[in-house]
Amino acid sequence: MKEPTMSQWQDVGDTAAFQEDEPRAVTVAGEPVAVVRQGDEFFAVHDICTHEVARLSEGFVEDGCIECPLHQGLFDLRTGQARKAPCVTPVRVYKTRVQGGRLEVQAP
């Protein structure tokens, strides 16, 4: 797999600004993205639930999943797979990396 170029990574902020298990909405290349910090790891998923239009960044994080605030469907933060009904369609996941204390998300 070809490594993305620098221009395909977008800086979304200082890593210290992301709180443990508190989803944060960012925009990457015009797309809404929810970013979650778990320890030293960062996860980024598309910020719109695939069941109904709700911002996942307004949901909760539990057991490695992000919960839709409307109907409590769950999506796996690592894979984007739906883990609990009524959600059945996965959400897109984005690669993340830390560069010099800054969090970057790979642009879609």
PDB file of N, CA and C in Angstrom:
ATOM      1  N   MET A   1       0.842  -1.180   0.000  1.00  0.00           N
ATOM      2  CA  MET A   1       0.000   0.000   0.000  1.00  0.00           C
ATOM      3  C   MET A   1       0.886   1.241   0.000  1.00  0.00           C
ATOM      4  N   LYS A   2       0.540   2.190  -0.809  1.00  0.00           N
ATOM      5  CA  LYS A   2       1.312   3.415  -0.932  1.00  0.00           C
ATOM      6  C   LYS A   2       1.067   4.326   0.277  1.00  0.00           C
ATOM      7  N   GLU A   3       2.139   4.815   0.864  1.00  0.00           N
ATOM      8  CA  GLU A   3       2.036   5.732   2.002  1.00  0.00           C
ATOM      9  C   GLU A   3       1.529   7.091   1.517  1.00  0.00           C
ATOM     10  N   PRO A   4       0.545   7.662   2.222  1.00  0.00           N
ATOM     11  CA  PRO A   4       0.027   8.955   1.782  1.00  0.00           C
ATOM     12  C   PRO A   4       1.093  10.043   1.867  1.00  0.00           C
ATOM     13  N   THR A   5       0.968  11.030   1.032  1.00  0.00           N
ATOM     14  CA  THR A   5       1.895  12.151   1.064  1.00  0.00           C
ATOM     15  C   THR A   5       1.521  13.083   2.203  1.00  0.00           C
ATOM     16  N   MET A   6       2.398  14.013   2.505  1.00  0.00           N
ATOM     17  CA  MET A   6       2.154  14.953   3.596  1.00  0.00           C
ATOM     18  C   MET A   6       0.842  15.714   3.403  1.00  0.00           C
ATOM     19  N   SER A   7       0.512  16.045   2.166  1.00  0.00           N
ATOM     20  CA  SER A   7      -0.685  16.841   1.929  1.00  0.00           C
ATOM     21  C   SER A   7      -1.958  16.049   2.209  1.00  0.00           C
ATOM     22  N   GLN A   8      -1.873  14.716   2.311  1.00  0.00           N
ATOM     23  CA  GLN A   8      -3.057  13.910   2.594  1.00  0.00           C
ATOM     24  C   GLN A   8      -3.324  13.793   4.086  1.00  0.00           C
ATOM     25  N   TRP A   9      -2.445  14.295   4.906  1.00  0.00           N
ATOM     26  CA  TRP A   9      -2.637  14.288   6.347  1.00  0.00           C
ATOM     27  C   TRP A   9      -3.024  15.692   6.774  1.00  0.00           C
ATOM     28  N   GLN A  10      -4.048  15.794   7.600  1.00  0.00           N
ATOM     29  CA  GLN A  10      -4.488  17.107   8.054  1.00  0.00           C
ATOM     30  C   GLN A  10      -4.329  17.227   9.559  1.00  0.00           C
ATOM     31  N   ASP A  11      -3.683  18.287   9.972  1.00  0.00           N
ATOM     32  CA  ASP A  11      -3.510  18.588  11.397  1.00  0.00           C
ATOM     33  C   ASP A  11      -4.864  18.962  11.982  1.00  0.00           C
ATOM     34  N   VAL A  12      -5.252  18.292  13.110  1.00  0.00           N
ATOM     35  CA  VAL A  12      -6.535  18.603  13.750  1.00  0.00           C
ATOM     36  C   VAL A  12      -6.353  19.130  15.167  1.00  0.00           C
ATOM     37  N   GLY A  13      -5.094  19.295  15.597  1.00  0.00           N
ATOM     38  CA  GLY A  13      -4.889  19.937  16.885  1.00  0.00           C
ATOM     39  C   GLY A  13      -3.834  19.284  17.755  1.00  0.00           C
ATOM     40  N   ASP A  14      -3.538  19.962  18.850  1.00  0.00           N
ATOM     41  CA  ASP A  14      -2.588  19.479  19.850  1.00  0.00           C
ATOM     42  C   ASP A  14      -3.180  18.244  20.525  1.00  0.00           C
ATOM     43  N   THR A  15      -2.399  17.194  20.683  1.00  0.00           N
ATOM     44  CA  THR A  15      -2.923  15.963  21.289  1.00  0.00           C
ATOM     45  C   THR A  15      -3.447  16.198  22.704  1.00  0.00           C
ATOM     46  N   ALA A  16      -2.877  17.160  23.407  1.00  0.00           N
ATOM     47  CA  ALA A  16      -3.311  17.451  24.780  1.00  0.00           C
ATOM     48  C   ALA A  16      -4.735  17.998  24.824  1.00  0.00           C
ATOM     49  N   ALA A  17      -5.238  18.490  23.711  1.00  0.00           N
ATOM     50  CA  ALA A  17      -6.590  19.047  23.669  1.00  0.00           C
ATOM     51  C   ALA A  17      -7.662  17.964  23.580  1.00  0.00           C
ATOM     52  N   PHE A  18      -7.266  16.722  23.322  1.00  0.00           N
ATOM     53  CA  PHE A  18      -8.218  15.611  23.207  1.00  0.00           C
ATOM     54  C   PHE A  18      -8.267  14.877  24.542  1.00  0.00           C
ATOM     55  N   GLN A  19      -9.445  14.842  25.151  1.00  0.00           N
ATOM     56  CA  GLN A  19      -9.615  14.207  26.456  1.00  0.00           C
ATOM     57  C   GLN A  19     -10.003  12.740  26.289  1.00  0.00           C
ATOM     58  N   GLU A  20      -9.570  11.934  27.241  1.00  0.00           N
ATOM     59  CA  GLU A  20      -9.846  10.498  27.231  1.00  0.00           C
ATOM     60  C   GLU A  20     -11.343  10.213  27.063  1.00  0.00           C
ATOM     61  N   ASP A  21     -11.685   9.388  26.084  1.00  0.00           N
ATOM     62  CA  ASP A  21     -13.057   8.918  25.836  1.00  0.00           C
ATOM     63  C   ASP A  21     -14.084  10.038  25.658  1.00  0.00           C
ATOM     64  N   GLU A  22     -13.647  11.224  25.267  1.00  0.00           N
ATOM     65  CA  GLU A  22     -14.575  12.319  24.987  1.00  0.00           C
ATOM     66  C   GLU A  22     -14.489  12.639  23.493  1.00  0.00           C
ATOM     67  N   PRO A  23     -15.474  12.183  22.711  1.00  0.00           N
ATOM     68  CA  PRO A  23     -15.425  12.429  21.263  1.00  0.00           C
ATOM     69  C   PRO A  23     -15.363  13.925  20.963  1.00  0.00           C
ATOM     70  N   ARG A  24     -14.612  14.237  19.927  1.00  0.00           N
ATOM     71  CA  ARG A  24     -14.464  15.640  19.524  1.00  0.00           C
ATOM     72  C   ARG A  24     -14.676  15.736  18.018  1.00  0.00           C
ATOM     73  N   ALA A  25     -15.512  16.669  17.601  1.00  0.00           N
ATOM     74  CA  ALA A  25     -15.785  16.876  16.181  1.00  0.00           C
ATOM     75  C   ALA A  25     -14.688  17.718  15.541  1.00  0.00           C
ATOM     76  N   VAL A  26     -14.204  17.257  14.392  1.00  0.00           N
ATOM     77  CA  VAL A  26     -13.251  18.017  13.589  1.00  0.00           C
ATOM     78  C   VAL A  26     -13.716  17.899  12.140  1.00  0.00           C
ATOM     79  N   THR A  27     -13.104  18.683  11.292  1.00  0.00           N
ATOM     80  CA  THR A  27     -13.384  18.601   9.861  1.00  0.00           C
ATOM     81  C   THR A  27     -12.090  18.276   9.143  1.00  0.00           C
ATOM     82  N   VAL A  28     -12.130  17.243   8.303  1.00  0.00           N
ATOM     83  CA  VAL A  28     -10.951  16.826   7.547  1.00  0.00           C
ATOM     84  C   VAL A  28     -11.330  16.816   6.072  1.00  0.00           C
ATOM     85  N   ALA A  29     -10.679  17.664   5.312  1.00  0.00           N
ATOM     86  CA  ALA A  29     -10.965  17.790   3.875  1.00  0.00           C
ATOM     87  C   ALA A  29     -12.455  17.976   3.618  1.00  0.00           C
ATOM     88  N   GLY A  30     -13.098  18.754   4.469  1.00  0.00           N
ATOM     89  CA  GLY A  30     -14.516  19.049   4.302  1.00  0.00           C
ATOM     90  C   GLY A  30     -15.459  17.993   4.856  1.00  0.00           C
ATOM     91  N   GLU A  31     -14.913  16.891   5.390  1.00  0.00           N
ATOM     92  CA  GLU A  31     -15.730  15.805   5.927  1.00  0.00           C
ATOM     93  C   GLU A  31     -15.816  15.908   7.454  1.00  0.00           C
ATOM     94  N   PRO A  32     -17.020  15.665   8.021  1.00  0.00           N
ATOM     95  CA  PRO A  32     -17.139  15.657   9.477  1.00  0.00           C
ATOM     96  C   PRO A  32     -16.531  14.373  10.045  1.00  0.00           C
ATOM     97  N   VAL A  33     -15.669  14.527  11.018  1.00  0.00           N
ATOM     98  CA  VAL A  33     -14.953  13.391  11.614  1.00  0.00           C
ATOM     99  C   VAL A  33     -15.040  13.502  13.129  1.00  0.00           C
ATOM    100  N   ALA A  34     -15.279  12.368  13.785  1.00  0.00           N
ATOM    101  CA  ALA A  34     -15.264  12.299  15.252  1.00  0.00           C
ATOM    102  C   ALA A  34     -13.947  11.656  15.669  1.00  0.00           C
ATOM    103  N   VAL A  35     -13.219  12.328  16.550  1.00  0.00           N
ATOM    104  CA  VAL A  35     -11.936  11.823  17.032  1.00  0.00           C
ATOM    105  C   VAL A  35     -12.088  11.443  18.500  1.00  0.00           C
ATOM    106  N   VAL A  36     -11.550  10.269  18.843  1.00  0.00           N
ATOM    107  CA  VAL A  36     -11.604   9.773  20.223  1.00  0.00           C
ATOM    108  C   VAL A  36     -10.202   9.399  20.662  1.00  0.00           C
ATOM    109  N   ARG A  37      -9.849   9.836  21.862  1.00  0.00           N
ATOM    110  CA  ARG A  37      -8.565   9.451  22.461  1.00  0.00           C
ATOM    111  C   ARG A  37      -8.819   8.363  23.471  1.00  0.00           C
ATOM    112  N   GLN A  38      -8.003   7.294  23.397  1.00  0.00           N
ATOM    113  CA  GLN A  38      -8.028   6.251  24.409  1.00  0.00           C
ATOM    114  C   GLN A  38      -6.572   5.980  24.763  1.00  0.00           C
ATOM    115  N   GLY A  39      -6.155   6.544  25.895  1.00  0.00           N
ATOM    116  CA  GLY A  39      -4.748   6.442  26.282  1.00  0.00           C
ATOM    117  C   GLY A  39      -3.896   7.205  25.290  1.00  0.00           C
ATOM    118  N   ASP A  40      -2.895   6.519  24.747  1.00  0.00           N
ATOM    119  CA  ASP A  40      -2.029   7.145  23.758  1.00  0.00           C
ATOM    120  C   ASP A  40      -2.505   6.906  22.327  1.00  0.00           C
ATOM    121  N   GLU A  41      -3.637   6.220  22.177  1.00  0.00           N
ATOM    122  CA  GLU A  41      -4.172   5.935  20.847  1.00  0.00           C
ATOM    123  C   GLU A  41      -5.286   6.915  20.496  1.00  0.00           C
ATOM    124  N   PHE A  42      -5.367   7.221  19.207  1.00  0.00           N
ATOM    125  CA  PHE A  42      -6.412   8.108  18.693  1.00  0.00           C
ATOM    126  C   PHE A  42      -7.151   7.378  17.577  1.00  0.00           C
ATOM    127  N   PHE A  43      -8.463   7.551  17.570  1.00  0.00           N
ATOM    128  CA  PHE A  43      -9.310   6.932  16.554  1.00  0.00           C
ATOM    129  C   PHE A  43     -10.138   8.019  15.890  1.00  0.00           C
ATOM    130  N   ALA A  44     -10.371   7.843  14.612  1.00  0.00           N
ATOM    131  CA  ALA A  44     -11.167   8.818  13.861  1.00  0.00           C
ATOM    132  C   ALA A  44     -12.170   8.064  12.995  1.00  0.00           C
ATOM    133  N   VAL A  45     -13.440   8.441  13.134  1.00  0.00           N
ATOM    134  CA  VAL A  45     -14.508   7.831  12.340  1.00  0.00           C
ATOM    135  C   VAL A  45     -15.356   8.941  11.741  1.00  0.00           C
ATOM    136  N   HIS A  46     -16.063   8.599  10.654  1.00  0.00           N
ATOM    137  CA  HIS A  46     -16.985   9.565  10.068  1.00  0.00           C
ATOM    138  C   HIS A  46     -17.987   9.970  11.148  1.00  0.00           C
ATOM    139  N   ASP A  47     -18.297  11.243  11.217  1.00  0.00           N
ATOM    140  CA  ASP A  47     -19.070  11.772  12.350  1.00  0.00           C
ATOM    141  C   ASP A  47     -20.575  11.681  12.152  1.00  0.00           C
ATOM    142  N   ILE A  48     -21.031  10.980  11.149  1.00  0.00           N
ATOM    143  CA  ILE A  48     -22.473  10.855  10.921  1.00  0.00           C
ATOM    144  C   ILE A  48     -22.872   9.380  11.020  1.00  0.00           C
ATOM    145  N   CYS A  49     -23.836   9.095  11.887  1.00  0.00           N
ATOM    146  CA  CYS A  49     -24.347   7.733  12.047  1.00  0.00           C
ATOM    147  C   CYS A  49     -24.937   7.248  10.729  1.00  0.00           C
ATOM    148  N   THR A  50     -24.719   5.976  10.409  1.00  0.00           N
ATOM    149  CA  THR A  50     -25.239   5.423   9.160  1.00  0.00           C
ATOM    150  C   THR A  50     -26.709   5.009   9.282  1.00  0.00           C
ATOM    151  N   HIS A  51     -27.247   4.984  10.486  1.00  0.00           N
ATOM    152  CA  HIS A  51     -28.650   4.633  10.689  1.00  0.00           C
ATOM    153  C   HIS A  51     -29.546   5.837  10.453  1.00  0.00           C
ATOM    154  N   GLU A  52     -29.270   6.919  11.156  1.00  0.00           N
ATOM    155  CA  GLU A  52     -29.956   8.186  10.946  1.00  0.00           C
ATOM    156  C   GLU A  52     -28.922   9.281  11.104  1.00  0.00           C
ATOM    157  N   VAL A  53     -29.264  10.443  10.648  1.00  0.00           N
ATOM    158  CA  VAL A  53     -28.279  11.526  10.662  1.00  0.00           C
ATOM    159  C   VAL A  53     -28.134  12.080  12.075  1.00  0.00           C
ATOM    160  N   ALA A  54     -27.115  11.607  12.755  1.00  0.00           N
ATOM    161  CA  ALA A  54     -26.784  12.098  14.095  1.00  0.00           C
ATOM    162  C   ALA A  54     -25.276  12.198  14.186  1.00  0.00           C
ATOM    163  N   ARG A  55     -24.804  13.157  14.955  1.00  0.00           N
ATOM    164  CA  ARG A  55     -23.356  13.355  15.126  1.00  0.00           C
ATOM    165  C   ARG A  55     -22.830  12.383  16.177  1.00  0.00           C
ATOM    166  N   LEU A  56     -21.970  11.467  15.755  1.00  0.00           N
ATOM    167  CA  LEU A  56     -21.385  10.519  16.699  1.00  0.00           C
ATOM    168  C   LEU A  56     -20.524  11.237  17.733  1.00  0.00           C
ATOM    169  N   SER A  57     -19.987  12.386  17.364  1.00  0.00           N
ATOM    170  CA  SER A  57     -19.163  13.152  18.311  1.00  0.00           C
ATOM    171  C   SER A  57     -19.984  13.651  19.495  1.00  0.00           C
ATOM    172  N   GLU A  58     -21.320  13.547  19.410  1.00  0.00           N
ATOM    173  CA  GLU A  58     -22.186  13.934  20.523  1.00  0.00           C
ATOM    174  C   GLU A  58     -22.598  12.712  21.350  1.00  0.00           C
ATOM    175  N   GLY A  59     -22.057  11.541  20.979  1.00  0.00           N
ATOM    176  CA  GLY A  59     -22.381  10.308  21.695  1.00  0.00           C
ATOM    177  C   GLY A  59     -21.358   9.986  22.771  1.00  0.00           C
ATOM    178  N   PHE A  60     -21.473   8.779  23.311  1.00  0.00           N
ATOM    179  CA  PHE A  60     -20.587   8.322  24.372  1.00  0.00           C
ATOM    180  C   PHE A  60     -19.628   7.278  23.818  1.00  0.00           C
ATOM    181  N   VAL A  61     -18.564   7.043  24.572  1.00  0.00           N
ATOM    182  CA  VAL A  61     -17.594   6.012  24.228  1.00  0.00           C
ATOM    183  C   VAL A  61     -17.651   4.943  25.305  1.00  0.00           C
ATOM    184  N   GLU A  62     -17.781   3.674  24.865  1.00  0.00           N
ATOM    185  CA  GLU A  62     -17.777   2.574  25.828  1.00  0.00           C
ATOM    186  C   GLU A  62     -17.243   1.320  25.154  1.00  0.00           C
ATOM    187  N   ASP A  63     -16.413   0.594  25.854  1.00  0.00           N
ATOM    188  CA  ASP A  63     -15.866  -0.688  25.395  1.00  0.00           C
ATOM    189  C   ASP A  63     -15.307  -0.624  23.980  1.00  0.00           C
ATOM    190  N   GLY A  64     -14.553   0.419  23.662  1.00  0.00           N
ATOM    191  CA  GLY A  64     -13.932   0.536  22.342  1.00  0.00           C
ATOM    192  C   GLY A  64     -14.884   0.910  21.230  1.00  0.00           C
ATOM    193  N   CYS A  65     -16.089   1.341  21.603  1.00  0.00           N
ATOM    194  CA  CYS A  65     -17.094   1.731  20.603  1.00  0.00           C
ATOM    195  C   CYS A  65     -17.565   3.153  20.878  1.00  0.00           C
ATOM    196  N   ILE A  66     -18.105   3.777  19.822  1.00  0.00           N
ATOM    197  CA  ILE A  66     -18.740   5.081  19.967  1.00  0.00           C
ATOM    198  C   ILE A  66     -20.234   4.876  19.752  1.00  0.00           C
ATOM    199  N   GLU A  67     -21.011   5.513  20.608  1.00  0.00           N
ATOM    200  CA  GLU A  67     -22.458   5.306  20.616  1.00  0.00           C
ATOM    201  C   GLU A  67     -23.176   6.470  19.948  1.00  0.00           C
ATOM    202  N   CYS A  68     -24.130   6.135  19.090  1.00  0.00           N
ATOM    203  CA  CYS A  68     -24.957   7.162  18.465  1.00  0.00           C
ATOM    204  C   CYS A  68     -25.887   7.753  19.526  1.00  0.00           C
ATOM    205  N   PRO A  69     -25.963   9.072  19.612  1.00  0.00           N
ATOM    206  CA  PRO A  69     -26.797   9.680  20.655  1.00  0.00           C
ATOM    207  C   PRO A  69     -28.298   9.541  20.397  1.00  0.00           C
ATOM    208  N   LEU A  70     -28.721   9.182  19.183  1.00  0.00           N
ATOM    209  CA  LEU A  70     -30.159   9.081  18.912  1.00  0.00           C
ATOM    210  C   LEU A  70     -30.771   7.753  19.345  1.00  0.00           C
ATOM    211  N   HIS A  71     -30.148   6.638  18.934  1.00  0.00           N
ATOM    212  CA  HIS A  71     -30.764   5.331  19.195  1.00  0.00           C
ATOM    213  C   HIS A  71     -29.807   4.354  19.872  1.00  0.00           C
ATOM    214  N   GLN A  72     -28.679   4.832  20.338  1.00  0.00           N
ATOM    215  CA  GLN A  72     -27.709   4.052  21.095  1.00  0.00           C
ATOM    216  C   GLN A  72     -27.087   2.893  20.317  1.00  0.00           C
ATOM    217  N   GLY A  73     -27.092   2.981  18.997  1.00  0.00           N
ATOM    218  CA  GLY A  73     -26.331   2.018  18.206  1.00  0.00           C
ATOM    219  C   GLY A  73     -24.846   2.238  18.452  1.00  0.00           C
ATOM    220  N   LEU A  74     -24.043   1.176  18.319  1.00  0.00           N
ATOM    221  CA  LEU A  74     -22.611   1.272  18.597  1.00  0.00           C
ATOM    222  C   LEU A  74     -21.785   0.978  17.346  1.00  0.00           C
ATOM    223  N   PHE A  75     -20.664   1.688  17.218  1.00  0.00           N
ATOM    224  CA  PHE A  75     -19.711   1.455  16.139  1.00  0.00           C
ATOM    225  C   PHE A  75     -18.329   1.226  16.751  1.00  0.00           C
ATOM    226  N   ASP A  76     -17.647   0.183  16.269  1.00  0.00           N
ATOM    227  CA  ASP A  76     -16.298  -0.129  16.720  1.00  0.00           C
ATOM    228  C   ASP A  76     -15.349   0.980  16.269  1.00  0.00           C
ATOM    229  N   LEU A  77     -14.583   1.534  17.203  1.00  0.00           N
ATOM    230  CA  LEU A  77     -13.678   2.632  16.859  1.00  0.00           C
ATOM    231  C   LEU A  77     -12.537   2.190  15.942  1.00  0.00           C
ATOM    232  N   ARG A  78     -12.113   0.932  16.040  1.00  0.00           N
ATOM    233  CA  ARG A  78     -10.986   0.455  15.230  1.00  0.00           C
ATOM    234  C   ARG A  78     -11.402   0.134  13.794  1.00  0.00           C
ATOM    235  N   THR A  79     -12.595  -0.442  13.642  1.00  0.00           N
ATOM    236  CA  THR A  79     -12.997  -0.935  12.322  1.00  0.00           C
ATOM    237  C   THR A  79     -14.159  -0.165  11.695  1.00  0.00           C
ATOM    238  N   GLY A  80     -14.928   0.538  12.517  1.00  0.00           N
ATOM    239  CA  GLY A  80     -16.120   1.218  12.036  1.00  0.00           C
ATOM    240  C   GLY A  80     -17.336   0.304  11.939  1.00  0.00           C
ATOM    241  N   GLN A  81     -17.165  -0.986  12.219  1.00  0.00           N
ATOM    242  CA  GLN A  81     -18.272  -1.939  12.119  1.00  0.00           C
ATOM    243  C   GLN A  81     -19.368  -1.613  13.126  1.00  0.00           C
ATOM    244  N   ALA A  82     -20.618  -1.786  12.692  1.00  0.00           N
ATOM    245  CA  ALA A  82     -21.750  -1.607  13.585  1.00  0.00           C
ATOM    246  C   ALA A  82     -21.777  -2.773  14.564  1.00  0.00           C
ATOM    247  N   ARG A  83     -21.904  -2.477  15.851  1.00  0.00           N
ATOM    248  CA  ARG A  83     -21.862  -3.513  16.891  1.00  0.00           C
ATOM    249  C   ARG A  83     -23.185  -3.687  17.628  1.00  0.00           C
ATOM    250  N   LYS A  84     -24.133  -2.777  17.387  1.00  0.00           N
ATOM    251  CA  LYS A  84     -25.397  -2.888  18.101  1.00  0.00           C
ATOM    252  C   LYS A  84     -26.491  -2.241  17.254  1.00  0.00           C
ATOM    253  N   ALA A  85     -27.612  -2.945  17.134  1.00  0.00           N
ATOM    254  CA  ALA A  85     -28.769  -2.414  16.404  1.00  0.00           C
ATOM    255  C   ALA A  85     -29.288  -1.173  17.126  1.00  0.00           C
ATOM    256  N   PRO A  86     -29.888  -0.283  16.379  1.00  0.00           N
ATOM    257  CA  PRO A  86     -30.366  -0.423  15.014  1.00  0.00           C
ATOM    258  C   PRO A  86     -29.317  -0.164  13.933  1.00  0.00           C
ATOM    259  N   CYS A  87     -28.093   0.144  14.312  1.00  0.00           N
ATOM    260  CA  CYS A  87     -27.054   0.408  13.315  1.00  0.00           C
ATOM    261  C   CYS A  87     -26.562  -0.913  12.723  1.00  0.00           C
ATOM    262  N   VAL A  88     -26.522  -1.024  11.404  1.00  0.00           N
ATOM    263  CA  VAL A  88     -26.039  -2.241  10.761  1.00  0.00           C
ATOM    264  C   VAL A  88     -24.976  -1.947   9.699  1.00  0.00           C
ATOM    265  N   THR A  89     -24.899  -0.719   9.236  1.00  0.00           N
ATOM    266  CA  THR A  89     -23.924  -0.330   8.215  1.00  0.00           C
ATOM    267  C   THR A  89     -22.737   0.346   8.887  1.00  0.00           C
ATOM    268  N   PRO A  90     -21.511  -0.073   8.554  1.00  0.00           N
ATOM    269  CA  PRO A  90     -20.341   0.526   9.205  1.00  0.00           C
ATOM    270  C   PRO A  90     -20.153   2.000   8.859  1.00  0.00           C
ATOM    271  N   VAL A  91     -19.413   2.686   9.722  1.00  0.00           N
ATOM    272  CA  VAL A  91     -18.996   4.046   9.422  1.00  0.00           C
ATOM    273  C   VAL A  91     -17.554   3.995   8.927  1.00  0.00           C
ATOM    274  N   ARG A  92     -17.179   4.974   8.158  1.00  0.00           N
ATOM    275  CA  ARG A  92     -15.816   5.070   7.630  1.00  0.00           C
ATOM    276  C   ARG A  92     -14.845   5.358   8.770  1.00  0.00           C
ATOM    277  N   VAL A  93     -13.684   4.740   8.716  1.00  0.00           N
ATOM    278  CA  VAL A  93     -12.631   5.040   9.679  1.00  0.00           C
ATOM    279  C   VAL A  93     -11.485   5.729   8.937  1.00  0.00           C
ATOM    280  N   TYR A  94     -10.746   6.533   9.663  1.00  0.00           N
ATOM    281  CA  TYR A  94      -9.624   7.288   9.103  1.00  0.00           C
ATOM    282  C   TYR A  94      -8.377   6.966   9.920  1.00  0.00           C
ATOM    283  N   LYS A  95      -7.243   6.897   9.256  1.00  0.00           N
ATOM    284  CA  LYS A  95      -5.984   6.692   9.954  1.00  0.00           C
ATOM    285  C   LYS A  95      -5.611   7.961  10.703  1.00  0.00           C
ATOM    286  N   THR A  96      -4.934   7.773  11.833  1.00  0.00           N
ATOM    287  CA  THR A  96      -4.438   8.913  12.599  1.00  0.00           C
ATOM    288  C   THR A  96      -2.941   8.713  12.858  1.00  0.00           C
ATOM    289  N   ARG A  97      -2.271   9.811  13.137  1.00  0.00           N
ATOM    290  CA  ARG A  97      -0.874   9.739  13.552  1.00  0.00           C
ATOM    291  C   ARG A  97      -0.551  10.991  14.350  1.00  0.00           C
ATOM    292  N   VAL A  98       0.486  10.872  15.193  1.00  0.00           N
ATOM    293  CA  VAL A  98       0.942  11.992  16.000  1.00  0.00           C
ATOM    294  C   VAL A  98       2.303  12.428  15.464  1.00  0.00           C
ATOM    295  N   GLN A  99       2.415  13.709  15.181  1.00  0.00           N
ATOM    296  CA  GLN A  99       3.653  14.294  14.671  1.00  0.00           C
ATOM    297  C   GLN A  99       4.000  15.502  15.536  1.00  0.00           C
ATOM    298  N   GLY A 100       5.057  15.368  16.358  1.00  0.00           N
ATOM    299  CA  GLY A 100       5.491  16.499  17.178  1.00  0.00           C
ATOM    300  C   GLY A 100       4.416  16.997  18.128  1.00  0.00           C
ATOM    301  N   GLY A 101       3.640  16.090  18.711  1.00  0.00           N
ATOM    302  CA  GLY A 101       2.602  16.477  19.663  1.00  0.00           C
ATOM    303  C   GLY A 101       1.305  16.938  19.026  1.00  0.00           C
ATOM    304  N   ARG A 102       1.250  16.887  17.711  1.00  0.00           N
ATOM    305  CA  ARG A 102       0.045  17.283  16.980  1.00  0.00           C
ATOM    306  C   ARG A 102      -0.623  16.036  16.401  1.00  0.00           C
ATOM    307  N   LEU A 103      -1.942  16.010  16.439  1.00  0.00           N
ATOM    308  CA  LEU A 103      -2.687  14.901  15.866  1.00  0.00           C
ATOM    309  C   LEU A 103      -3.025  15.199  14.413  1.00  0.00           C
ATOM    310  N   GLU A 104      -2.777  14.212  13.571  1.00  0.00           N
ATOM    311  CA  GLU A 104      -3.116  14.338  12.159  1.00  0.00           C
ATOM    312  C   GLU A 104      -4.056  13.201  11.769  1.00  0.00           C
ATOM    313  N   VAL A 105      -5.002  13.512  10.907  1.00  0.00           N
ATOM    314  CA  VAL A 105      -5.951  12.528  10.384  1.00  0.00           C
ATOM    315  C   VAL A 105      -5.751  12.467   8.877  1.00  0.00           C
ATOM    316  N   GLN A 106      -5.745  11.235   8.363  1.00  0.00           N
ATOM    317  CA  GLN A 106      -5.575  11.060   6.922  1.00  0.00           C
ATOM    318  C   GLN A 106      -6.831  11.520   6.210  1.00  0.00           C
ATOM    319  N   ALA A 107      -6.654  12.387   5.263  1.00  0.00           N
ATOM    320  CA  ALA A 107      -7.779  12.915   4.490  1.00  0.00           C
ATOM    321  C   ALA A 107      -8.389  11.816   3.626  1.00  0.00           C
ATOM    322  N   PRO A 108      -9.720  11.854   3.468  1.00  0.00           N
ATOM    323  CA  PRO A 108     -10.385  10.831   2.641  1.00  0.00           C
ATOM    324  C   PRO A 108     -10.029  10.979   1.170  1.00  0.00           C
TER     325      PRO A 108
END
